[in-house]
């Protein structure tokens, strides 16, 4: 019997959390407008950061979590651009 246990490959991720301050205090129409603007900014920055390998974007309602898996300084560079 040949048993080759599989090994889970672990990797280090670096996270950037973005949140719109006082989002819940905005009127509904303004919430949609502000969230759309944040999404547009994130899309624009993504095109500038094409060298970042496979970031993962997770919407959080009034913001985003973005995980990076290459260099620990990338979340900081990304945040500066936002």
N, C-alpha and C. Protein backbone atom coordinates (compact mmCIF):
# COMPACT_ATOMS: atom_id res chain seq x y z
N UNK A 1 0.83 -1.16 0.00
CA UNK A 1 0.00 0.00 0.00
C UNK A 1 0.89 1.24 0.00
N UNK A 2 0.68 2.11 -0.98
CA UNK A 2 1.47 3.32 -1.12
C UNK A 2 0.67 4.51 -0.59
N UNK A 3 1.11 5.03 0.54
CA UNK A 3 0.39 6.15 1.15
C UNK A 3 1.27 7.38 1.05
N UNK A 4 0.80 8.37 0.30
CA UNK A 4 1.50 9.66 0.18
C UNK A 4 0.60 10.73 0.78
N UNK A 5 0.86 11.08 2.01
CA UNK A 5 0.00 12.10 2.61
C UNK A 5 0.16 13.43 1.87
N UNK A 6 -0.95 14.08 1.61
CA UNK A 6 -0.87 15.39 0.97
C UNK A 6 -0.56 16.43 2.03
N UNK A 7 0.23 17.39 1.64
CA UNK A 7 0.59 18.46 2.55
C UNK A 7 -0.15 19.72 2.14
N UNK A 8 -0.74 20.35 3.09
CA UNK A 8 -1.38 21.64 2.82
C UNK A 8 -0.29 22.69 2.67
N UNK A 9 -0.38 23.43 1.59
CA UNK A 9 0.62 24.47 1.36
C UNK A 9 0.13 25.76 2.00
N UNK A 10 0.90 26.32 2.89
CA UNK A 10 0.57 27.56 3.55
C UNK A 10 1.31 28.70 2.88
N UNK A 11 0.68 29.85 2.86
CA UNK A 11 1.33 31.04 2.33
C UNK A 11 0.97 32.22 3.21
N UNK A 12 1.78 33.24 3.16
CA UNK A 12 1.54 34.43 3.95
C UNK A 12 0.77 35.44 3.12
N UNK A 13 -0.26 36.01 3.71
CA UNK A 13 -1.04 37.05 3.04
C UNK A 13 -0.95 38.35 3.81
N UNK A 14 -1.08 39.43 3.10
CA UNK A 14 -1.04 40.77 3.69
C UNK A 14 -2.35 41.45 3.36
N UNK A 15 -3.02 42.01 4.36
CA UNK A 15 -4.37 42.50 4.18
C UNK A 15 -4.44 44.02 4.24
N UNK A 16 -5.34 44.56 3.42
CA UNK A 16 -5.67 45.98 3.46
C UNK A 16 -7.17 46.06 3.68
N UNK A 17 -7.58 46.75 4.75
CA UNK A 17 -8.99 46.95 5.05
C UNK A 17 -9.35 48.39 4.68
N UNK A 18 -10.42 48.56 3.92
CA UNK A 18 -10.92 49.89 3.57
C UNK A 18 -12.36 49.99 4.02
N UNK A 19 -12.71 51.14 4.58
CA UNK A 19 -14.05 51.34 5.09
C UNK A 19 -14.44 52.80 4.83
N UNK A 20 -15.69 53.03 4.47
CA UNK A 20 -16.19 54.38 4.27
C UNK A 20 -16.70 54.89 5.62
N UNK A 21 -16.08 55.95 6.11
CA UNK A 21 -16.43 56.52 7.40
C UNK A 21 -17.81 57.17 7.32
N UNK A 22 -18.64 56.92 8.32
CA UNK A 22 -19.99 57.48 8.45
C UNK A 22 -20.92 57.07 7.32
N UNK A 23 -20.66 55.93 6.72
CA UNK A 23 -21.47 55.43 5.60
C UNK A 23 -22.93 55.27 6.00
N UNK A 24 -23.17 54.73 7.17
CA UNK A 24 -24.55 54.45 7.60
C UNK A 24 -25.34 55.73 7.88
N UNK A 25 -24.66 56.84 8.02
CA UNK A 25 -25.35 58.10 8.27
C UNK A 25 -25.79 58.79 6.97
N UNK A 26 -25.30 58.28 5.85
CA UNK A 26 -25.66 58.88 4.55
C UNK A 26 -27.05 58.43 4.13
N UNK A 27 -27.70 59.26 3.33
CA UNK A 27 -28.98 58.86 2.75
C UNK A 27 -28.73 57.74 1.76
N UNK A 28 -29.74 56.92 1.51
CA UNK A 28 -29.59 55.73 0.66
C UNK A 28 -29.00 56.05 -0.70
N UNK A 29 -29.51 57.09 -1.35
CA UNK A 29 -29.00 57.45 -2.68
C UNK A 29 -27.53 57.83 -2.62
N UNK A 30 -27.15 58.53 -1.57
CA UNK A 30 -25.75 58.95 -1.40
C UNK A 30 -24.87 57.73 -1.08
N UNK A 31 -25.39 56.75 -0.32
CA UNK A 31 -24.63 55.54 -0.03
C UNK A 31 -24.26 54.82 -1.32
N UNK A 32 -25.22 54.68 -2.22
CA UNK A 32 -24.97 54.01 -3.50
C UNK A 32 -23.92 54.77 -4.29
N UNK A 33 -24.02 56.09 -4.31
CA UNK A 33 -23.08 56.93 -5.06
C UNK A 33 -21.66 56.82 -4.48
N UNK A 34 -21.54 56.88 -3.18
CA UNK A 34 -20.23 56.82 -2.53
C UNK A 34 -19.59 55.44 -2.71
N UNK A 35 -20.38 54.39 -2.56
CA UNK A 35 -19.85 53.03 -2.74
C UNK A 35 -19.40 52.80 -4.17
N UNK A 36 -20.16 53.32 -5.14
CA UNK A 36 -19.77 53.20 -6.55
C UNK A 36 -18.45 53.93 -6.81
N UNK A 37 -18.28 55.09 -6.19
CA UNK A 37 -17.03 55.85 -6.35
C UNK A 37 -15.85 55.06 -5.79
N UNK A 38 -16.02 54.43 -4.62
CA UNK A 38 -14.96 53.60 -4.05
C UNK A 38 -14.63 52.44 -4.97
N UNK A 39 -15.66 51.78 -5.52
CA UNK A 39 -15.43 50.67 -6.44
C UNK A 39 -14.67 51.15 -7.68
N UNK A 40 -15.01 52.32 -8.20
CA UNK A 40 -14.31 52.87 -9.36
C UNK A 40 -12.85 53.15 -9.04
N UNK A 41 -12.60 53.70 -7.85
CA UNK A 41 -11.22 53.98 -7.44
C UNK A 41 -10.42 52.69 -7.35
N UNK A 42 -11.00 51.66 -6.75
CA UNK A 42 -10.32 50.37 -6.62
C UNK A 42 -10.03 49.78 -8.00
N UNK A 43 -10.98 49.86 -8.93
CA UNK A 43 -10.75 49.35 -10.29
C UNK A 43 -9.63 50.12 -10.98
N UNK A 44 -9.60 51.45 -10.83
CA UNK A 44 -8.54 52.26 -11.44
C UNK A 44 -7.17 51.89 -10.89
N UNK A 45 -7.10 51.72 -9.58
CA UNK A 45 -5.82 51.38 -8.95
C UNK A 45 -5.38 49.98 -9.38
N UNK A 46 -6.33 49.07 -9.55
CA UNK A 46 -5.97 47.72 -10.00
C UNK A 46 -5.25 47.76 -11.33
N UNK A 47 -5.68 48.63 -12.22
CA UNK A 47 -5.01 48.70 -13.52
C UNK A 47 -3.58 49.23 -13.37
N UNK A 48 -3.35 50.07 -12.36
CA UNK A 48 -2.00 50.58 -12.12
C UNK A 48 -1.12 49.53 -11.46
N UNK A 49 -1.72 48.63 -10.69
CA UNK A 49 -0.98 47.62 -9.95
C UNK A 49 -1.05 46.27 -10.63
N UNK A 50 -0.90 46.26 -11.94
CA UNK A 50 -0.99 45.00 -12.68
C UNK A 50 0.12 44.02 -12.31
N UNK A 51 1.17 44.52 -11.67
CA UNK A 51 2.27 43.63 -11.31
C UNK A 51 2.00 42.84 -10.03
N UNK A 52 0.94 43.19 -9.30
CA UNK A 52 0.61 42.46 -8.09
C UNK A 52 -0.04 41.14 -8.48
N UNK A 53 0.47 40.07 -7.94
CA UNK A 53 -0.03 38.75 -8.33
C UNK A 53 -1.30 38.37 -7.57
N UNK A 54 -2.35 38.18 -8.29
CA UNK A 54 -3.62 37.62 -7.81
C UNK A 54 -4.14 38.18 -6.48
N UNK A 55 -4.36 39.50 -6.38
CA UNK A 55 -4.98 39.98 -5.14
C UNK A 55 -6.42 39.46 -5.06
N UNK A 56 -6.91 39.27 -3.86
CA UNK A 56 -8.28 38.82 -3.66
C UNK A 56 -9.07 39.98 -3.05
N UNK A 57 -10.19 40.33 -3.68
CA UNK A 57 -11.04 41.42 -3.23
C UNK A 57 -12.29 40.86 -2.58
N UNK A 58 -12.56 41.30 -1.37
CA UNK A 58 -13.74 40.84 -0.64
C UNK A 58 -14.54 42.09 -0.25
N UNK A 59 -15.72 42.29 -0.86
CA UNK A 59 -16.54 43.43 -0.45
C UNK A 59 -17.08 43.21 0.95
N UNK A 60 -17.16 44.30 1.73
CA UNK A 60 -17.62 44.19 3.11
C UNK A 60 -18.84 45.06 3.39
N UNK A 61 -19.58 45.40 2.37
CA UNK A 61 -20.75 46.27 2.53
C UNK A 61 -20.39 47.70 2.25
N UNK A 62 -19.66 48.33 3.14
CA UNK A 62 -19.26 49.72 2.92
C UNK A 62 -17.74 49.85 2.79
N UNK A 63 -17.12 48.84 2.23
CA UNK A 63 -15.68 48.87 2.04
C UNK A 63 -15.20 47.60 1.38
N UNK A 64 -13.90 47.33 1.53
CA UNK A 64 -13.28 46.17 0.93
C UNK A 64 -12.20 45.63 1.85
N UNK A 65 -11.92 44.36 1.69
CA UNK A 65 -10.70 43.76 2.21
C UNK A 65 -9.97 43.25 0.98
N UNK A 66 -8.71 43.60 0.87
CA UNK A 66 -7.91 43.14 -0.26
C UNK A 66 -6.73 42.37 0.31
N UNK A 67 -6.54 41.15 -0.16
CA UNK A 67 -5.40 40.36 0.29
C UNK A 67 -4.35 40.29 -0.81
N UNK A 68 -3.12 40.44 -0.40
CA UNK A 68 -1.97 40.39 -1.29
C UNK A 68 -1.09 39.24 -0.85
N UNK A 69 -0.45 38.59 -1.78
CA UNK A 69 0.35 37.42 -1.44
C UNK A 69 1.81 37.52 -1.89
N UNK A 70 2.24 38.70 -2.34
CA UNK A 70 3.60 38.77 -2.83
C UNK A 70 4.52 39.56 -1.90
N UNK A 71 4.32 40.87 -1.76
CA UNK A 71 5.23 41.68 -0.96
C UNK A 71 4.46 42.40 0.14
N UNK A 72 4.99 42.46 1.35
CA UNK A 72 4.26 43.07 2.46
C UNK A 72 4.04 44.57 2.29
N UNK A 73 4.81 45.23 1.45
CA UNK A 73 4.63 46.67 1.26
C UNK A 73 3.51 47.01 0.28
N UNK A 74 2.99 46.04 -0.46
CA UNK A 74 1.94 46.32 -1.44
C UNK A 74 0.66 46.88 -0.83
N UNK A 75 0.17 46.39 0.32
CA UNK A 75 -1.02 47.03 0.90
C UNK A 75 -0.80 48.50 1.21
N UNK A 76 0.40 48.85 1.68
CA UNK A 76 0.70 50.25 1.99
C UNK A 76 0.71 51.08 0.71
N UNK A 77 1.36 50.58 -0.34
CA UNK A 77 1.39 51.30 -1.62
C UNK A 77 -0.02 51.50 -2.15
N UNK A 78 -0.83 50.49 -2.05
CA UNK A 78 -2.21 50.53 -2.52
C UNK A 78 -3.00 51.57 -1.73
N UNK A 79 -2.84 51.55 -0.40
CA UNK A 79 -3.56 52.49 0.47
C UNK A 79 -3.18 53.93 0.17
N UNK A 80 -1.91 54.16 -0.12
CA UNK A 80 -1.46 55.52 -0.44
C UNK A 80 -2.14 56.02 -1.71
N UNK A 81 -2.32 55.13 -2.69
CA UNK A 81 -2.99 55.51 -3.93
C UNK A 81 -4.46 55.82 -3.74
N UNK A 82 -5.10 55.11 -2.81
CA UNK A 82 -6.52 55.37 -2.55
C UNK A 82 -6.66 56.73 -1.91
